Amino acid sequence: MAISFTLEKRTNMHDECPIRLSWSFGGLRYQSTLGVSIKKTDWDEGSKLVKTDTHNHNGQSADEINFLIKRVNAVVMGIEQNCIENSIALTKDMMKQAICDALAKDIARPEDIIERCINGISSTPSPTACYYRDPSGRCYQLICDARNFYISGDRYYILQELFGRGERVAVPTEKFKPQKEKGSREPIIVFKEVSRKEVFGR
């Protein structure tokens, strides 16, 4: 499970540090705070939990804060397991929504949050290792190719948007080949193939 909890270096007027989470999965990374803070001396760096019999300036006890941390852990673990077992492509927006749900009080059970997240995305073929960038700078991962059911010979690439809403789009294969456009001296490629490093920076 690629989620970690740390204390921010900055402190508030009560000499407390916000607790920050960082969740990395499938090449995506989402970071946020838990909305609670604690003194550095009350944080157990080994267990990544708040030391027992302590509380913050809001009166939140160690048990309350640790319950929240463990709840987020349970949600993330459940979502990752579902994505791996069912070849589901998680998006950054879904990661954000899952964490927001886990931190909210209107959904009581982690199981309900996991189900809500998984129902928001659908199973896909195993994504390929091919990435593309469109003229506006948006990046996509190639999922698979497809043919037009009604028009013989028309073929498409099914792409999934990265770092955005995670929408899947069907793009004619000719958009991936050099094309001579009006007013352009050199042929251009609408969807240009890029490396994983260019997309994720590593």
Protein backbone atom coordinates (compact mmCIF):
# COMPACT_ATOMS: atom_id res chain seq x y z
CA MET A 1 0.00 0.00 0.00
CA ALA A 2 1.53 3.30 -1.10
CA ILE A 3 0.04 5.73 1.41
CA SER A 4 2.05 7.54 4.05
CA PHE A 5 1.30 9.96 6.88
CA THR A 6 3.72 12.66 7.97
CA LEU A 7 3.75 15.89 9.93
CA GLU A 8 4.20 19.11 8.00
CA LYS A 9 7.14 21.26 9.04
CA ARG A 10 4.99 24.35 9.43
CA THR A 11 3.22 24.89 12.74
CA ASN A 12 0.07 26.81 13.62
CA MET A 13 -0.46 29.32 16.41
CA HIS A 14 -0.90 26.42 18.84
CA ASP A 15 2.54 25.00 17.96
CA GLU A 16 0.89 22.04 16.20
CA CYS A 17 1.77 20.51 12.83
CA PRO A 18 -0.90 19.46 10.31
CA ILE A 19 -0.95 15.74 9.52
CA ARG A 20 -0.41 15.19 5.78
CA LEU A 21 -1.14 12.10 3.69
CA SER A 22 0.45 11.10 0.39
CA TRP A 23 -1.13 8.36 -1.73
CA SER A 24 0.69 6.97 -4.77
CA PHE A 25 -0.88 4.37 -7.04
CA GLY A 26 -0.69 3.45 -10.71
CA GLY A 27 1.67 6.30 -11.54
CA LEU A 28 -0.61 8.85 -9.86
CA ARG A 29 -0.06 10.73 -6.63
CA TYR A 30 -2.58 12.53 -4.44
CA GLN A 31 -1.65 14.60 -1.39
CA SER A 32 -3.82 16.27 1.23
CA THR A 33 -4.03 17.04 4.92
CA LEU A 34 -6.29 15.23 7.36
CA GLY A 35 -7.72 18.49 8.59
CA VAL A 36 -6.23 17.90 12.04
CA SER A 37 -2.98 18.93 13.68
CA ILE A 38 -0.93 17.69 16.61
CA LYS A 39 2.20 18.72 18.46
CA LYS A 40 5.37 17.15 17.15
CA THR A 41 6.09 15.63 20.57
CA ASP A 42 2.72 13.82 20.45
CA TRP A 43 3.45 12.10 17.11
CA ASP A 44 4.88 8.57 17.00
CA GLU A 45 7.08 8.51 13.90
CA GLY A 46 7.48 4.74 14.08
CA SER A 47 3.79 3.80 14.00
CA LYS A 48 2.70 6.95 12.11
CA LEU A 49 0.03 7.46 14.77
CA VAL A 50 -0.64 9.91 17.57
CA LYS A 51 0.71 8.89 20.97
CA THR A 52 -1.90 7.62 23.40
CA ASP A 53 -3.42 9.84 26.09
CA THR A 54 -2.78 13.04 24.13
CA HIS A 55 -5.03 15.54 22.38
CA ASN A 56 -4.78 18.68 20.25
CA HIS A 57 -5.99 22.22 20.93
CA ASN A 58 -9.43 21.35 19.49
CA GLY A 59 -9.87 18.66 22.12
CA GLN A 60 -9.53 15.82 19.59
CA SER A 61 -8.06 12.84 21.39
CA ALA A 62 -5.38 10.49 20.12
CA ASP A 63 -8.06 7.79 19.75
CA GLU A 64 -10.18 10.04 17.49
CA ILE A 65 -7.28 11.08 15.27
CA ASN A 66 -5.86 7.56 15.04
CA PHE A 67 -9.31 6.24 14.13
CA LEU A 68 -9.35 8.70 11.22
CA ILE A 69 -5.87 7.62 10.05
CA LYS A 70 -6.83 3.94 10.22
CA ARG A 71 -10.09 4.65 8.40
CA VAL A 72 -8.23 6.31 5.52
CA ASN A 73 -5.78 3.39 5.51
CA ALA A 74 -8.63 0.88 5.24
CA VAL A 75 -10.28 2.78 2.37
CA VAL A 76 -7.05 3.08 0.40
CA MET A 77 -6.15 -0.58 0.95
CA GLY A 78 -9.59 -1.72 -0.20
CA ILE A 79 -9.57 0.46 -3.31
CA GLU A 80 -6.06 -0.61 -4.34
CA GLN A 81 -6.92 -4.28 -3.88
CA ASN A 82 -10.06 -3.93 -6.02
CA CYS A 83 -8.16 -2.09 -8.75
CA ILE A 84 -5.41 -4.72 -8.89
CA GLU A 85 -7.75 -7.72 -8.81
CA ASN A 86 -10.16 -6.32 -11.43
CA SER A 87 -7.71 -4.43 -13.69
CA ILE A 88 -9.42 -1.14 -12.90
CA ALA A 89 -7.76 2.15 -13.88
CA LEU A 90 -7.96 4.58 -10.97
CA THR A 91 -7.96 8.31 -11.73
CA LYS A 92 -6.62 11.14 -9.62
CA ASP A 93 -10.11 12.59 -9.26
CA MET A 94 -11.31 9.25 -7.88
CA MET A 95 -8.39 9.19 -5.41
CA LYS A 96 -9.34 12.69 -4.28
CA GLN A 97 -13.02 11.79 -3.89
CA ALA A 98 -12.21 8.62 -1.94
CA ILE A 99 -10.05 10.55 0.53
CA CYS A 100 -12.72 13.27 0.89
CA ASP A 101 -15.30 10.56 1.62
CA ALA A 102 -13.01 8.91 4.14
CA LEU A 103 -12.50 12.21 5.97
CA ALA A 104 -16.21 13.09 5.91
CA LYS A 105 -18.73 11.87 8.45
CA ASP A 106 -21.68 11.30 6.15
CA ILE A 107 -20.42 7.88 4.98
CA ALA A 108 -19.86 5.74 8.04
CA ARG A 109 -18.30 2.51 6.75
CA PRO A 110 -15.05 2.20 4.77
CA GLU A 111 -16.76 -0.58 2.77
CA ASP A 112 -19.35 1.89 1.49
CA ILE A 113 -16.65 4.36 0.45
CA ILE A 114 -14.74 1.63 -1.39
CA GLU A 115 -17.88 0.48 -3.20
CA ARG A 116 -18.78 4.05 -4.16
CA CYS A 117 -15.29 4.60 -5.60
CA ILE A 118 -15.17 1.32 -7.51
CA ASN A 119 -18.67 1.90 -8.91
CA GLY A 120 -17.46 5.23 -10.25
CA ILE A 121 -14.94 3.57 -12.54
CA SER A 122 -15.26 0.51 -14.72
CA SER A 123 -13.02 -2.37 -15.65
CA THR A 124 -10.82 -1.88 -18.68
CA PRO A 125 -8.37 -4.02 -20.63
CA SER A 126 -4.90 -3.91 -19.11
CA PRO A 127 -3.46 -0.52 -20.13
CA THR A 128 -0.44 -0.56 -22.42
CA ALA A 129 2.89 1.17 -21.80
CA CYS A 130 2.22 3.69 -24.60
CA TYR A 131 1.56 7.35 -23.78
CA TYR A 132 0.48 10.25 -25.97
CA ARG A 133 0.14 14.03 -25.68
CA ASP A 134 -2.42 16.12 -27.58
CA PRO A 135 -1.81 19.67 -28.90
CA SER A 136 -3.20 21.22 -25.70
CA GLY A 137 -0.69 19.31 -23.56
CA ARG A 138 -3.06 16.73 -22.09
CA CYS A 139 -1.52 13.27 -21.62
CA TYR A 140 -3.17 9.93 -22.31
CA GLN A 141 -2.41 6.25 -21.87
CA LEU A 142 -3.28 3.82 -24.65
CA ILE A 143 -5.81 1.24 -23.48
CA CYS A 144 -6.48 -0.72 -26.67
CA ASP A 145 -7.48 -0.34 -30.31
CA ALA A 146 -10.98 -0.77 -31.75
CA ARG A 147 -12.87 -0.77 -35.03
CA ASN A 148 -15.96 1.14 -36.07
CA PHE A 149 -18.91 -1.23 -35.77
CA TYR A 150 -20.79 0.48 -38.63
CA ILE A 151 -18.06 1.61 -41.04
CA SER A 152 -15.68 -1.06 -42.31
CA GLY A 153 -12.02 -0.06 -42.23
CA ASP A 154 -12.34 2.74 -39.66
CA ARG A 155 -10.10 2.03 -36.68
CA TYR A 156 -9.53 3.88 -33.41
CA TYR A 157 -7.24 3.97 -30.42
CA ILE A 158 -8.97 4.03 -27.04
CA LEU A 159 -7.09 6.41 -24.76
CA GLN A 160 -7.55 7.24 -21.10
CA GLU A 161 -6.84 10.78 -19.96
CA LEU A 162 -4.20 11.13 -17.23
CA PHE A 163 -4.17 13.82 -14.52
CA GLY A 164 -7.66 15.01 -15.37
CA ARG A 165 -11.15 13.56 -15.27
CA GLY A 166 -9.87 10.22 -16.49
CA GLU A 167 -12.23 10.14 -19.44
CA ARG A 168 -11.73 7.56 -22.17
CA VAL A 169 -11.75 8.81 -25.74
CA ALA A 170 -11.82 7.06 -29.13
CA VAL A 171 -9.42 8.70 -31.58
CA PRO A 172 -9.06 7.74 -35.28
CA THR A 173 -5.71 6.07 -35.87
CA GLU A 174 -4.77 8.60 -38.57
CA LYS A 175 -4.47 11.23 -35.83
CA PHE A 176 -1.34 9.39 -34.67
CA LYS A 177 0.39 9.67 -38.07
CA PRO A 178 2.08 12.70 -39.66
CA GLN A 179 -0.51 14.85 -41.44
CA LYS A 180 -0.10 17.78 -43.79
CA GLU A 181 -2.40 20.53 -42.58
CA LYS A 182 -3.35 23.76 -44.32
CA GLY A 183 -0.93 26.56 -43.48
CA SER A 184 1.68 24.18 -42.08
CA ARG A 185 5.00 23.63 -43.86
CA GLU A 186 5.83 20.39 -42.11
CA PRO A 187 3.54 17.43 -41.39
CA ILE A 188 2.28 17.38 -37.82
CA ILE A 189 1.17 14.60 -35.51
CA VAL A 190 -1.97 15.46 -33.55
CA PHE A 191 -1.38 12.82 -30.88
CA LYS A 192 2.36 12.58 -30.32
CA GLU A 193 3.84 9.55 -28.56
CA VAL A 194 5.84 10.44 -25.44
CA SER A 195 7.81 8.43 -22.91
CA ARG A 196 6.68 7.51 -19.43
CA LYS A 197 9.38 9.78 -18.04
CA GLU A 198 7.99 12.73 -20.03
CA VAL A 199 4.53 12.02 -18.59
CA PHE A 200 5.35 11.29 -14.95
CA GLY A 201 8.73 12.96 -14.64
CA ARG A 202 10.48 9.77 -13.55
